[in-house]
Amino acid sequence: MTDGLRVEAAPRLAQWRVDALPCYHYRKSLPFRIGLWNWYLSVERNNKQTSVKLFADNSNLTKDSVPAPIASFVTRLLISFPPNQKTIVHPGIFDKQLKHDGFVWTIDSAITGRFVIEIEFLDLKVADPSGGEPASIWASHQIKKSSDNTALSGLTRMLHEDILTDITINAADGSIRAHRAILSTRSPVFRSMFSHDLKEKELSTVDISDMSLDACQAFLNYIYGDVHSEEFLTNRLALLRAADKYDIADLKEACHESLLEDIDTSNVLERLQTAHLYRLPKLKNSCLRFLVDFRKVYEMHDDFNMFLQTAERDLVAEVFNGVLTAWSGR
């Protein structure tokens, strides 16, 4: 029987449901994957205290393997279940390298009955072998890889130095010069604009009035292979909209993967509606799982009520069906 040892894991969230733990007993979870590492949770109880431990599997570290994680996270103990749930929260751990000793939290209470250990990872970093600043594994890995694989370094100079540009992109609050050949190569929608007798071909302009100048610059930077992680993250919803509008599949997928990485209670309902609008199945499933399987829907009364009033009816019905299914399975 391993069900009681299994940890439910999302990209940045882990929950372990622990059945009643007898006094002077120890229990260790099965491994779960978050980021680049396999993780374990353990819990131990005596008649006065309960101790929770989080640690990464560093048993096979070699010169060429992934180094020990540098982690920032919040730990919660959820006692009982909604609507009478009680939560104990650890103040938080920031930029701690978790080697063999891991992280231990001792609560001055002998917790009885069922409870849930929840770990919300805020960031995971790896040390720079050359001694520089540690780098987040979530900041730019997939984004930069996708961008680098679809452009040549010389394109950056062509864009930023206005070399032989032949088209003007009009954003909501400014304009940028670009190259119709490069835009046509990356987008079948642009290619159609410039290949037929449309106003974009005749006037050598493209109006993208639903994008700010900064977002439009990030859009072109991605197309030309020079997008930076902070720029991408700041504008990713606008980039997703542009990727869908201009049929740039790799950009849409990069936005999709990025939006999966930092779902939390402050953005999950917006992400769910975004996933529904742009047909992003992985994001939609992750949001529903976060709300229902991790029971976060019960913590978001005001936001959820607003969602019920404004979201599309079929999406609301889907969320309700998930909640009802979860309740019937309890």
C-alpha atoms as a PDB file:
ATOM      1  CA  MET A   1       0.000   0.000   0.000  1.00  0.00           C
ATOM      2  CA  THR A   2       1.733   3.168  -1.218  1.00  0.00           C
ATOM      3  CA  ASP A   3      -1.195   5.591  -1.687  1.00  0.00           C
ATOM      4  CA  GLY A   4      -0.569   7.116   1.734  1.00  0.00           C
ATOM      5  CA  LEU A   5       3.052   7.800   0.771  1.00  0.00           C
ATOM      6  CA  ARG A   6       2.348   9.483  -2.572  1.00  0.00           C
ATOM      7  CA  VAL A   7       2.832  13.249  -2.890  1.00  0.00           C
ATOM      8  CA  GLU A   8       0.643  15.247  -5.294  1.00  0.00           C
ATOM      9  CA  ALA A   9       2.913  17.586  -7.243  1.00  0.00           C
ATOM     10  CA  ALA A  10       2.242  20.518  -9.579  1.00  0.00           C
ATOM     11  CA  PRO A  11       5.042  22.583 -11.208  1.00  0.00           C
ATOM     12  CA  ARG A  12       5.605  24.630  -8.016  1.00  0.00           C
ATOM     13  CA  LEU A  13       3.330  23.033  -5.427  1.00  0.00           C
ATOM     14  CA  ALA A  14       3.463  19.747  -3.512  1.00  0.00           C
ATOM     15  CA  GLN A  15       0.927  18.300  -1.070  1.00  0.00           C
ATOM     16  CA  TRP A  16       1.235  15.172   1.043  1.00  0.00           C
ATOM     17  CA  ARG A  17      -1.928  13.952   2.740  1.00  0.00           C
ATOM     18  CA  VAL A  18      -0.892  12.207   5.938  1.00  0.00           C
ATOM     19  CA  ASP A  19      -3.318   9.925   7.731  1.00  0.00           C
ATOM     20  CA  ALA A  20      -3.223   9.771  11.510  1.00  0.00           C
ATOM     21  CA  LEU A  21       0.407   9.365  12.592  1.00  0.00           C
ATOM     22  CA  PRO A  22       0.798   7.482  15.879  1.00  0.00           C
ATOM     23  CA  CYS A  23       3.019   8.892  18.601  1.00  0.00           C
ATOM     24  CA  TYR A  24       6.747   8.093  18.211  1.00  0.00           C
ATOM     25  CA  HIS A  25       6.327   7.127  14.559  1.00  0.00           C
ATOM     26  CA  TYR A  26       8.200   8.224  11.413  1.00  0.00           C
ATOM     27  CA  ARG A  27       6.896   8.255   7.860  1.00  0.00           C
ATOM     28  CA  LYS A  28       8.667   9.050   4.572  1.00  0.00           C
ATOM     29  CA  SER A  29       6.962   9.849   1.289  1.00  0.00           C
ATOM     30  CA  LEU A  30       7.605   8.404  -2.116  1.00  0.00           C
ATOM     31  CA  PRO A  31       9.770  10.622  -4.360  1.00  0.00           C
ATOM     32  CA  PHE A  32       8.100  13.428  -6.303  1.00  0.00           C
ATOM     33  CA  ARG A  33       9.510  15.544  -9.124  1.00  0.00           C
ATOM     34  CA  ILE A  34       9.682  19.351  -9.071  1.00  0.00           C
ATOM     35  CA  GLY A  35      12.187  21.219 -11.220  1.00  0.00           C
ATOM     36  CA  LEU A  36      15.343  19.205 -11.882  1.00  0.00           C
ATOM     37  CA  TRP A  37      15.218  17.105  -8.717  1.00  0.00           C
ATOM     38  CA  ASN A  38      13.436  14.240  -7.042  1.00  0.00           C
ATOM     39  CA  TRP A  39      12.221  15.308  -3.603  1.00  0.00           C
ATOM     40  CA  TYR A  40      11.062  13.577  -0.447  1.00  0.00           C
ATOM     41  CA  LEU A  41       9.000  14.623   2.545  1.00  0.00           C
ATOM     42  CA  SER A  42       9.110  12.959   5.933  1.00  0.00           C
ATOM     43  CA  VAL A  43       7.209  13.501   9.161  1.00  0.00           C
ATOM     44  CA  GLU A  44       7.937  12.367  12.703  1.00  0.00           C
ATOM     45  CA  ARG A  45       5.890  12.780  15.871  1.00  0.00           C
ATOM     46  CA  ASN A  46       6.403  12.409  19.598  1.00  0.00           C
ATOM     47  CA  ASN A  47       4.054  13.324  22.426  1.00  0.00           C
ATOM     48  CA  LYS A  48       5.005  17.028  22.297  1.00  0.00           C
ATOM     49  CA  GLN A  49       6.228  17.893  18.797  1.00  0.00           C
ATOM     50  CA  THR A  50       5.727  17.179  15.114  1.00  0.00           C
ATOM     51  CA  SER A  51       8.712  17.472  12.743  1.00  0.00           C
ATOM     52  CA  VAL A  52       8.456  17.899   8.975  1.00  0.00           C
ATOM     53  CA  LYS A  53      11.467  17.458   6.697  1.00  0.00           C
ATOM     54  CA  LEU A  54      11.943  18.331   3.010  1.00  0.00           C
ATOM     55  CA  PHE A  55      15.004  17.126   1.145  1.00  0.00           C
ATOM     56  CA  ALA A  56      16.190  16.599  -2.412  1.00  0.00           C
ATOM     57  CA  ASP A  57      17.724  13.360  -3.617  1.00  0.00           C
ATOM     58  CA  ASN A  58      21.426  14.258  -3.676  1.00  0.00           C
ATOM     59  CA  SER A  59      22.671  10.697  -3.181  1.00  0.00           C
ATOM     60  CA  ASN A  60      24.138  10.393  -6.676  1.00  0.00           C
ATOM     61  CA  LEU A  61      25.787  13.789  -7.026  1.00  0.00           C
ATOM     62  CA  THR A  62      28.810  13.687  -9.315  1.00  0.00           C
ATOM     63  CA  LYS A  63      30.901  16.309 -11.048  1.00  0.00           C
ATOM     64  CA  ASP A  64      28.595  16.259 -14.084  1.00  0.00           C
ATOM     65  CA  SER A  65      25.231  15.895 -12.324  1.00  0.00           C
ATOM     66  CA  VAL A  66      22.739  18.602 -11.359  1.00  0.00           C
ATOM     67  CA  PRO A  67      24.021  20.361  -8.200  1.00  0.00           C
ATOM     68  CA  ALA A  68      22.090  20.619  -4.959  1.00  0.00           C
ATOM     69  CA  PRO A  69      19.123  23.004  -5.306  1.00  0.00           C
ATOM     70  CA  ILE A  70      19.104  26.512  -3.873  1.00  0.00           C
ATOM     71  CA  ALA A  71      15.489  26.776  -2.824  1.00  0.00           C
ATOM     72  CA  SER A  72      12.985  29.402  -1.716  1.00  0.00           C
ATOM     73  CA  PHE A  73       9.696  28.019  -0.466  1.00  0.00           C
ATOM     74  CA  VAL A  74       6.822  28.316   1.986  1.00  0.00           C
ATOM     75  CA  THR A  75       5.695  25.363   4.098  1.00  0.00           C
ATOM     76  CA  ARG A  76       2.156  24.969   5.404  1.00  0.00           C
ATOM     77  CA  LEU A  77       0.474  22.418   7.604  1.00  0.00           C
ATOM     78  CA  LEU A  78      -3.234  22.095   6.766  1.00  0.00           C
ATOM     79  CA  ILE A  79      -5.064  20.525   9.670  1.00  0.00           C
ATOM     80  CA  SER A  80      -8.571  19.135   9.168  1.00  0.00           C
ATOM     81  CA  PHE A  81     -10.374  20.023   5.918  1.00  0.00           C
ATOM     82  CA  PRO A  82     -12.616  22.816   4.558  1.00  0.00           C
ATOM     83  CA  PRO A  83     -14.701  24.542   5.746  1.00  0.00           C
ATOM     84  CA  ASN A  84     -13.057  24.142   9.187  1.00  0.00           C
ATOM     85  CA  GLN A  85      -9.469  23.970   7.981  1.00  0.00           C
ATOM     86  CA  LYS A  86      -6.722  25.307  10.242  1.00  0.00           C
ATOM     87  CA  THR A  87      -3.403  26.329   8.698  1.00  0.00           C
ATOM     88  CA  ILE A  88       0.011  26.622  10.335  1.00  0.00           C
ATOM     89  CA  VAL A  89       2.519  28.506   8.167  1.00  0.00           C
ATOM     90  CA  HIS A  90       6.311  28.512   8.411  1.00  0.00           C
ATOM     91  CA  PRO A  91       7.770  32.047   7.907  1.00  0.00           C
ATOM     92  CA  GLY A  92       9.533  30.872   4.752  1.00  0.00           C
ATOM     93  CA  ILE A  93      12.937  29.760   3.498  1.00  0.00           C
ATOM     94  CA  PHE A  94      14.817  31.874   0.969  1.00  0.00           C
ATOM     95  CA  ASP A  95      17.838  30.907  -1.157  1.00  0.00           C
ATOM     96  CA  LYS A  96      18.828  27.976   1.050  1.00  0.00           C
ATOM     97  CA  GLN A  97      21.019  25.325  -0.547  1.00  0.00           C
ATOM     98  CA  LEU A  98      19.480  22.000   0.389  1.00  0.00           C
ATOM     99  CA  LYS A  99      22.292  19.504   0.659  1.00  0.00           C
ATOM    100  CA  HIS A 100      22.108  16.245   2.585  1.00  0.00           C
ATOM    101  CA  ASP A 101      20.548  17.743   5.726  1.00  0.00           C
ATOM    102  CA  GLY A 102      17.574  19.273   3.881  1.00  0.00           C
ATOM    103  CA  PHE A 103      15.068  21.490   5.704  1.00  0.00           C
ATOM    104  CA  VAL A 104      13.478  20.576   9.026  1.00  0.00           C
ATOM    105  CA  TRP A 105      10.493  22.330  10.609  1.00  0.00           C
ATOM    106  CA  THR A 106       9.595  21.402  14.168  1.00  0.00           C
ATOM    107  CA  ILE A 107       6.124  22.367  15.386  1.00  0.00           C
ATOM    108  CA  ASP A 108       5.563  22.498  19.131  1.00  0.00           C
ATOM    109  CA  SER A 109       2.385  20.505  18.905  1.00  0.00           C
ATOM    110  CA  ALA A 110       1.612  16.801  18.710  1.00  0.00           C
ATOM    111  CA  ILE A 111      -0.730  16.880  15.719  1.00  0.00           C
ATOM    112  CA  THR A 112      -3.301  14.117  15.671  1.00  0.00           C
ATOM    113  CA  GLY A 113      -5.724  13.042  12.993  1.00  0.00           C
ATOM    114  CA  ARG A 114      -5.315  13.674   9.268  1.00  0.00           C
ATOM    115  CA  PHE A 115      -3.315  16.629   7.981  1.00  0.00           C
ATOM    116  CA  VAL A 116      -1.682  17.892   4.796  1.00  0.00           C
ATOM    117  CA  ILE A 117       1.914  19.048   4.372  1.00  0.00           C
ATOM    118  CA  GLU A 118       2.077  21.671   1.615  1.00  0.00           C
ATOM    119  CA  ILE A 119       5.265  23.037   0.037  1.00  0.00           C
ATOM    120  CA  GLU A 120       4.957  26.031  -2.311  1.00  0.00           C
ATOM    121  CA  PHE A 121       8.224  26.577  -4.177  1.00  0.00           C
ATOM    122  CA  LEU A 122       8.853  30.255  -4.886  1.00  0.00           C
ATOM    123  CA  ASP A 123      12.105  29.667  -6.765  1.00  0.00           C
ATOM    124  CA  LEU A 124      14.712  26.992  -7.438  1.00  0.00           C
ATOM    125  CA  LYS A 125      18.238  27.943  -8.435  1.00  0.00           C
ATOM    126  CA  VAL A 126      21.506  26.209  -9.270  1.00  0.00           C
ATOM    127  CA  ALA A 127      24.948  27.499  -8.407  1.00  0.00           C
ATOM    128  CA  ASP A 128      27.132  28.936 -11.168  1.00  0.00           C
ATOM    129  CA  PRO A 129      30.203  26.650 -11.551  1.00  0.00           C
ATOM    130  CA  SER A 130      32.331  29.711 -12.362  1.00  0.00           C
ATOM    131  CA  GLY A 131      31.354  31.438  -9.118  1.00  0.00           C
ATOM    132  CA  GLY A 132      28.760  33.854 -10.484  1.00  0.00           C
ATOM    133  CA  GLU A 133      25.253  34.457  -9.213  1.00  0.00           C
ATOM    134  CA  PRO A 134      23.005  31.373  -8.932  1.00  0.00           C
ATOM    135  CA  ALA A 135      20.538  31.087 -11.808  1.00  0.00           C
ATOM    136  CA  SER A 136      16.851  30.254 -11.518  1.00  0.00           C
ATOM    137  CA  ILE A 137      15.859  27.102 -13.372  1.00  0.00           C
ATOM    138  CA  TRP A 138      12.487  28.668 -14.176  1.00  0.00           C
ATOM    139  CA  ALA A 139      13.537  32.095 -15.440  1.00  0.00           C
ATOM    140  CA  SER A 140      14.624  31.496 -18.995  1.00  0.00           C
ATOM    141  CA  HIS A 141      15.629  27.903 -19.753  1.00  0.00           C
ATOM    142  CA  GLN A 142      12.838  26.967 -22.156  1.00  0.00           C
ATOM    143  CA  ILE A 143      12.349  30.499 -23.457  1.00  0.00           C
ATOM    144  CA  LYS A 144      15.950  31.092 -24.446  1.00  0.00           C
ATOM    145  CA  LYS A 145      16.285  27.604 -25.933  1.00  0.00           C
ATOM    146  CA  SER A 146      13.214  28.120 -28.113  1.00  0.00           C
ATOM    147  CA  SER A 147      14.350  31.557 -29.208  1.00  0.00           C
ATOM    148  CA  ASP A 148      17.963  30.566 -29.894  1.00  0.00           C
ATOM    149  CA  ASN A 149      16.912  27.629 -32.057  1.00  0.00           C
ATOM    150  CA  THR A 150      14.887  29.785 -34.461  1.00  0.00           C
ATOM    151  CA  ALA A 151      17.087  32.765 -35.185  1.00  0.00           C
ATOM    152  CA  LEU A 152      20.626  33.755 -36.077  1.00  0.00           C
ATOM    153  CA  SER A 153      22.581  36.222 -34.016  1.00  0.00           C
ATOM    154  CA  GLY A 154      22.907  38.612 -36.945  1.00  0.00           C
ATOM    155  CA  LEU A 155      19.167  39.227 -36.973  1.00  0.00           C
ATOM    156  CA  THR A 156      19.474  41.155 -33.730  1.00  0.00           C
ATOM    157  CA  ARG A 157      21.663  43.799 -35.326  1.00  0.00           C
ATOM    158  CA  MET A 158      19.319  44.071 -38.289  1.00  0.00           C
ATOM    159  CA  LEU A 159      16.432  44.897 -35.971  1.00  0.00           C
ATOM    160  CA  HIS A 160      18.105  47.167 -33.440  1.00  0.00           C
ATOM    161  CA  GLU A 161      20.323  49.019 -35.906  1.00  0.00           C
ATOM    162  CA  ASP A 162      17.519  49.481 -38.453  1.00  0.00           C
ATOM    163  CA  ILE A 163      19.522  47.745 -41.197  1.00  0.00           C
ATOM    164  CA  LEU A 164      17.574  47.656 -44.489  1.00  0.00           C
ATOM    165  CA  THR A 165      14.192  47.678 -42.765  1.00  0.00           C
ATOM    166  CA  ASP A 166      11.192  47.853 -45.085  1.00  0.00           C
ATOM    167  CA  ILE A 167       8.075  47.698 -42.908  1.00  0.00           C
ATOM    168  CA  THR A 168       6.698  49.799 -40.039  1.00  0.00           C
ATOM    169  CA  ILE A 169       4.888  48.166 -37.125  1.00  0.00           C
ATOM    170  CA  ASN A 170       2.442  50.594 -35.499  1.00  0.00           C
ATOM    171  CA  ALA A 171       1.762  49.691 -31.863  1.00  0.00           C
ATOM    172  CA  ALA A 172      -0.686  51.440 -29.529  1.00  0.00           C
ATOM    173  CA  ASP A 173       1.856  54.021 -28.377  1.00  0.00           C
ATOM    174  CA  GLY A 174       4.640  54.058 -30.952  1.00  0.00           C
ATOM    175  CA  SER A 175       6.164  52.338 -33.959  1.00  0.00           C
ATOM    176  CA  ILE A 176       9.090  50.025 -34.783  1.00  0.00           C
ATOM    177  CA  ARG A 177      10.798  49.302 -38.083  1.00  0.00           C
ATOM    178  CA  ALA A 178      11.227  45.669 -39.147  1.00  0.00           C
ATOM    179  CA  HIS A 179      11.778  43.373 -42.149  1.00  0.00           C
ATOM    180  CA  ARG A 180       8.854  41.864 -44.028  1.00  0.00           C
ATOM    181  CA  ALA A 181      10.943  38.864 -45.147  1.00  0.00           C
ATOM    182  CA  ILE A 182      11.769  37.890 -41.562  1.00  0.00           C
ATOM    183  CA  LEU A 183       8.199  38.420 -40.385  1.00  0.00           C
ATOM    184  CA  SER A 184       6.941  36.355 -43.329  1.00  0.00           C
ATOM    185  CA  THR A 185       9.346  33.547 -42.517  1.00  0.00           C
ATOM    186  CA  ARG A 186       8.136  33.326 -38.926  1.00  0.00           C
ATOM    187  CA  SER A 187       4.387  33.861 -39.449  1.00  0.00           C
ATOM    188  CA  PRO A 188       2.046  32.599 -42.184  1.00  0.00           C
ATOM    189  CA  VAL A 189      -0.301  35.475 -41.348  1.00  0.00           C
ATOM    190  CA  PHE A 190       2.383  38.074 -42.070  1.00  0.00           C
ATOM    191  CA  ARG A 191       3.375  36.154 -45.196  1.00  0.00           C
ATOM    192  CA  SER A 192      -0.190  36.346 -46.469  1.00  0.00           C
ATOM    193  CA  MET A 193      -0.344  40.093 -45.729  1.00  0.00           C
ATOM    194  CA  PHE A 194       2.786  40.818 -47.743  1.00  0.00           C
ATOM    195  CA  SER A 195       2.049  38.384 -50.592  1.00  0.00           C
ATOM    196  CA  HIS A 196      -1.361  39.728 -51.570  1.00  0.00           C
ATOM    197  CA  ASP A 197      -2.627  43.150 -52.538  1.00  0.00           C
ATOM    198  CA  LEU A 198      -3.596  44.201 -49.046  1.00  0.00           C
ATOM    199  CA  LYS A 199      -3.084  47.577 -47.374  1.00  0.00           C
ATOM    200  CA  GLU A 200      -0.106  46.216 -45.382  1.00  0.00           C
ATOM    201  CA  LYS A 201       1.724  45.478 -48.633  1.00  0.00           C
ATOM    202  CA  GLU A 202       0.702  48.730 -50.303  1.00  0.00           C
ATOM    203  CA  LEU A 203       1.467  51.034 -47.350  1.00  0.00           C
ATOM    204  CA  SER A 204       4.381  49.002 -45.911  1.00  0.00           C
ATOM    205  CA  THR A 205       2.768  49.207 -42.468  1.00  0.00           C
ATOM    206  CA  VAL A 206       1.197  46.758 -40.042  1.00  0.00           C
ATOM    207  CA  ASP A 207      -1.140  48.055 -37.333  1.00  0.00           C
ATOM    208  CA  ILE A 208      -1.009  46.145 -34.039  1.00  0.00           C
ATOM    209  CA  SER A 209      -3.086  48.560 -32.014  1.00  0.00           C
ATOM    210  CA  ASP A 210      -3.834  46.048 -29.249  1.00  0.00           C
ATOM    211  CA  MET A 211      -0.162  45.870 -28.175  1.00  0.00           C
ATOM    212  CA  SER A 212       1.884  48.429 -26.288  1.00  0.00           C
ATOM    213  CA  LEU A 213       5.203  49.487 -27.754  1.00  0.00           C
ATOM    214  CA  ASP A 214       7.083  47.521 -25.077  1.00  0.00           C
ATOM    215  CA  ALA A 215       5.079  44.365 -25.757  1.00  0.00           C
ATOM    216  CA  CYS A 216       5.519  44.817 -29.504  1.00  0.00           C
ATOM    217  CA  GLN A 217       9.277  45.206 -29.024  1.00  0.00           C
ATOM    218  CA  ALA A 218       9.326  41.977 -27.006  1.00  0.00           C
ATOM    219  CA  PHE A 219       7.321  40.301 -29.779  1.00  0.00           C
ATOM    220  CA  LEU A 220       9.815  41.356 -32.443  1.00  0.00           C
ATOM    221  CA  ASN A 221      12.747  40.494 -30.192  1.00  0.00           C
ATOM    222  CA  TYR A 222      11.419  36.946 -29.913  1.00  0.00           C
ATOM    223  CA  ILE A 223      10.967  36.683 -33.678  1.00  0.00           C
ATOM    224  CA  TYR A 224      14.522  37.939 -34.227  1.00  0.00           C
ATOM    225  CA  GLY A 225      15.995  35.670 -31.531  1.00  0.00           C
ATOM    226  CA  ASP A 226      16.889  38.280 -28.906  1.00  0.00           C
ATOM    227  CA  VAL A 227      14.193  38.100 -26.235  1.00  0.00           C
ATOM    228  CA  HIS A 228      15.357  38.307 -22.616  1.00  0.00           C
ATOM    229  CA  SER A 229      13.721  36.372 -19.796  1.00  0.00           C
ATOM    230  CA  GLU A 230      12.503  39.394 -17.793  1.00  0.00           C
ATOM    231  CA  GLU A 231      11.098  41.009 -20.932  1.00  0.00           C
ATOM    232  CA  PHE A 232       9.374  37.754 -21.860  1.00  0.00           C
ATOM    233  CA  LEU A 233       7.847  37.225 -18.419  1.00  0.00           C
ATOM    234  CA  THR A 234       6.581  40.806 -18.194  1.00  0.00           C
ATOM    235  CA  ASN A 235       4.815  40.609 -21.568  1.00  0.00           C
ATOM    236  CA  ARG A 236       3.920  36.931 -21.883  1.00  0.00           C
ATOM    237  CA  LEU A 237       0.133  37.406 -21.941  1.00  0.00           C
ATOM    238  CA  ALA A 238       0.444  39.978 -24.727  1.00  0.00           C
ATOM    239  CA  LEU A 239       2.918  37.663 -26.474  1.00  0.00           C
ATOM    240  CA  LEU A 240       0.476  34.772 -26.184  1.00  0.00           C
ATOM    241  CA  ARG A 241      -2.241  36.897 -27.777  1.00  0.00           C
ATOM    242  CA  ALA A 242       0.101  37.898 -30.616  1.00  0.00           C
ATOM    243  CA  ALA A 243       1.322  34.329 -31.102  1.00  0.00           C
ATOM    244  CA  ASP A 244      -2.254  33.141 -31.464  1.00  0.00           C
ATOM    245  CA  LYS A 245      -3.223  36.029 -33.759  1.00  0.00           C
ATOM    246  CA  TYR A 246      -0.221  35.650 -36.079  1.00  0.00           C
ATOM    247  CA  ASP A 247       0.026  31.842 -35.857  1.00  0.00           C
ATOM    248  CA  ILE A 248       3.527  31.579 -34.376  1.00  0.00           C
ATOM    249  CA  ALA A 249       3.348  28.124 -32.836  1.00  0.00           C
ATOM    250  CA  ASP A 250       6.703  28.043 -31.021  1.00  0.00           C
ATOM    251  CA  LEU A 251       6.012  31.375 -29.285  1.00  0.00           C
ATOM    252  CA  LYS A 252       2.559  30.192 -28.247  1.00  0.00           C
ATOM    253  CA  GLU A 253       4.056  27.029 -26.783  1.00  0.00           C
ATOM    254  CA  ALA A 254       6.790  28.988 -24.983  1.00  0.00           C
ATOM    255  CA  CYS A 255       4.111  31.182 -23.391  1.00  0.00           C
ATOM    256  CA  HIS A 256       2.061  28.096 -22.544  1.00  0.00           C
ATOM    257  CA  GLU A 257       4.978  26.396 -20.781  1.00  0.00           C
ATOM    258  CA  SER A 258       5.925  29.584 -18.943  1.00  0.00           C
ATOM    259  CA  LEU A 259       2.401  30.156 -17.639  1.00  0.00           C
ATOM    260  CA  LEU A 260       2.429  26.630 -16.203  1.00  0.00           C
ATOM    261  CA  GLU A 261       5.396  27.381 -13.972  1.00  0.00           C
ATOM    262  CA  ASP A 262       4.052  29.918 -11.480  1.00  0.00           C
ATOM    263  CA  ILE A 263       0.361  29.227 -10.911  1.00  0.00           C
ATOM    264  CA  ASP A 264      -0.776  30.482  -7.513  1.00  0.00           C
ATOM    265  CA  THR A 265      -3.921  31.804  -5.827  1.00  0.00           C
ATOM    266  CA  SER A 266      -3.348  35.329  -7.153  1.00  0.00           C
ATOM    267  CA  ASN A 267      -3.403  34.315 -10.832  1.00  0.00           C
ATOM    268  CA  VAL A 268      -5.024  30.879 -11.189  1.00  0.00           C
ATOM    269  CA  LEU A 269      -8.476  32.153 -12.224  1.00  0.00           C
ATOM    270  CA  GLU A 270      -7.009  34.527 -14.806  1.00  0.00           C
ATOM    271  CA  ARG A 271      -4.794  31.708 -16.106  1.00  0.00           C
ATOM    272  CA  LEU A 272      -7.782  29.383 -16.314  1.00  0.00           C
ATOM    273  CA  GLN A 273      -9.690  31.869 -18.477  1.00  0.00           C
ATOM    274  CA  THR A 274      -6.587  32.458 -20.599  1.00  0.00           C
ATOM    275  CA  ALA A 275      -6.212  28.710 -21.113  1.00  0.00           C
ATOM    276  CA  HIS A 276      -9.870  28.434 -22.106  1.00  0.00           C
ATOM    277  CA  LEU A 277      -9.657  31.367 -24.533  1.00  0.00           C
ATOM    278  CA  TYR A 278      -6.476  30.244 -26.297  1.00  0.00           C
ATOM    279  CA  ARG A 279      -7.086  26.479 -26.130  1.00  0.00           C
ATOM    280  CA  LEU A 280      -4.163  25.601 -23.855  1.00  0.00           C
ATOM    281  CA  PRO A 281      -5.027  22.159 -22.455  1.00  0.00           C
ATOM    282  CA  LYS A 282      -2.048  21.687 -20.133  1.00  0.00           C
ATOM    283  CA  LEU A 283      -2.545  25.095 -18.538  1.00  0.00           C
ATOM    284  CA  LYS A 284      -6.266  24.491 -18.176  1.00  0.00           C
ATOM    285  CA  ASN A 285      -5.752  21.108 -16.524  1.00  0.00           C
ATOM    286  CA  SER A 286      -3.082  22.507 -14.193  1.00  0.00           C
ATOM    287  CA  CYS A 287      -5.359  25.356 -13.102  1.00  0.00           C
ATOM    288  CA  LEU A 288      -8.287  23.019 -12.498  1.00  0.00           C
ATOM    289  CA  ARG A 289      -6.052  20.661 -10.564  1.00  0.00           C
ATOM    290  CA  PHE A 290      -4.686  23.527  -8.464  1.00  0.00           C
ATOM    291  CA  LEU A 291      -8.207  24.720  -7.651  1.00  0.00           C
ATOM    292  CA  VAL A 292      -9.852  21.347  -7.084  1.00  0.00           C
ATOM    293  CA  ASP A 293      -7.277  18.689  -6.189  1.00  0.00           C
ATOM    294  CA  PHE A 294      -5.315  21.053  -3.956  1.00  0.00           C
ATOM    295  CA  ARG A 295      -8.581  22.607  -2.667  1.00  0.00           C
ATOM    296  CA  LYS A 296      -7.413  26.184  -3.269  1.00  0.00           C
ATOM    297  CA  VAL A 297     -10.891  27.092  -4.492  1.00  0.00           C
ATOM    298  CA  TYR A 298     -12.012  27.223  -0.848  1.00  0.00           C
ATOM    299  CA  GLU A 299      -9.450  29.923  -0.032  1.00  0.00           C
ATOM    300  CA  MET A 300     -10.532  32.349  -2.759  1.00  0.00           C
ATOM    301  CA  HIS A 301     -14.122  33.305  -1.901  1.00  0.00           C
ATOM    302  CA  ASP A 302     -14.258  36.863  -3.323  1.00  0.00           C
ATOM    303  CA  ASP A 303     -12.180  36.133  -6.421  1.00  0.00           C
ATOM    304  CA  PHE A 304     -14.114  32.946  -7.107  1.00  0.00           C
ATOM    305  CA  ASN A 305     -17.465  34.739  -6.795  1.00  0.00           C
ATOM    306  CA  MET A 306     -16.269  37.317  -9.329  1.00  0.00           C
ATOM    307  CA  PHE A 307     -15.124  34.485 -11.599  1.00  0.00           C
ATOM    308  CA  LEU A 308     -18.595  32.909 -11.410  1.00  0.00           C
ATOM    309  CA  GLN A 309     -20.168  36.201 -12.528  1.00  0.00           C
ATOM    310  CA  THR A 310     -17.804  36.999 -15.397  1.00  0.00           C
ATOM    311  CA  ALA A 311     -16.393  33.763 -16.834  1.00  0.00           C
ATOM    312  CA  GLU A 312     -17.926  31.857 -19.733  1.00  0.00           C
ATOM    313  CA  ARG A 313     -20.709  29.526 -18.648  1.00  0.00           C
ATOM    314  CA  ASP A 314     -19.153  26.330 -19.990  1.00  0.00           C
ATOM    315  CA  LEU A 315     -15.931  27.060 -18.111  1.00  0.00           C
ATOM    316  CA  VAL A 316     -17.829  27.743 -14.872  1.00  0.00           C
ATOM    317  CA  ALA A 317     -19.696  24.460 -15.346  1.00  0.00           C
ATOM    318  CA  GLU A 318     -16.420  22.614 -15.836  1.00  0.00           C
ATOM    319  CA  VAL A 319     -15.025  24.001 -12.583  1.00  0.00           C
ATOM    320  CA  PHE A 320     -18.225  23.144 -10.708  1.00  0.00           C
ATOM    321  CA  ASN A 321     -18.172  19.591 -12.055  1.00  0.00           C
ATOM    322  CA  GLY A 322     -14.595  19.216 -10.851  1.00  0.00           C
ATOM    323  CA  VAL A 323     -15.493  20.460  -7.369  1.00  0.00           C
ATOM    324  CA  LEU A 324     -18.514  18.158  -7.157  1.00  0.00           C
ATOM    325  CA  THR A 325     -16.459  15.178  -8.313  1.00  0.00           C
ATOM    326  CA  ALA A 326     -13.805  15.945  -5.710  1.00  0.00           C
ATOM    327  CA  TRP A 327     -16.422  16.225  -2.964  1.00  0.00           C
ATOM    328  CA  SER A 328     -18.104  12.957  -3.966  1.00  0.00           C
ATOM    329  CA  GLY A 329     -14.720  11.206  -3.831  1.00  0.00           C
ATOM    330  CA  ARG A 330     -13.925  12.318  -0.297  1.00  0.00           C
END
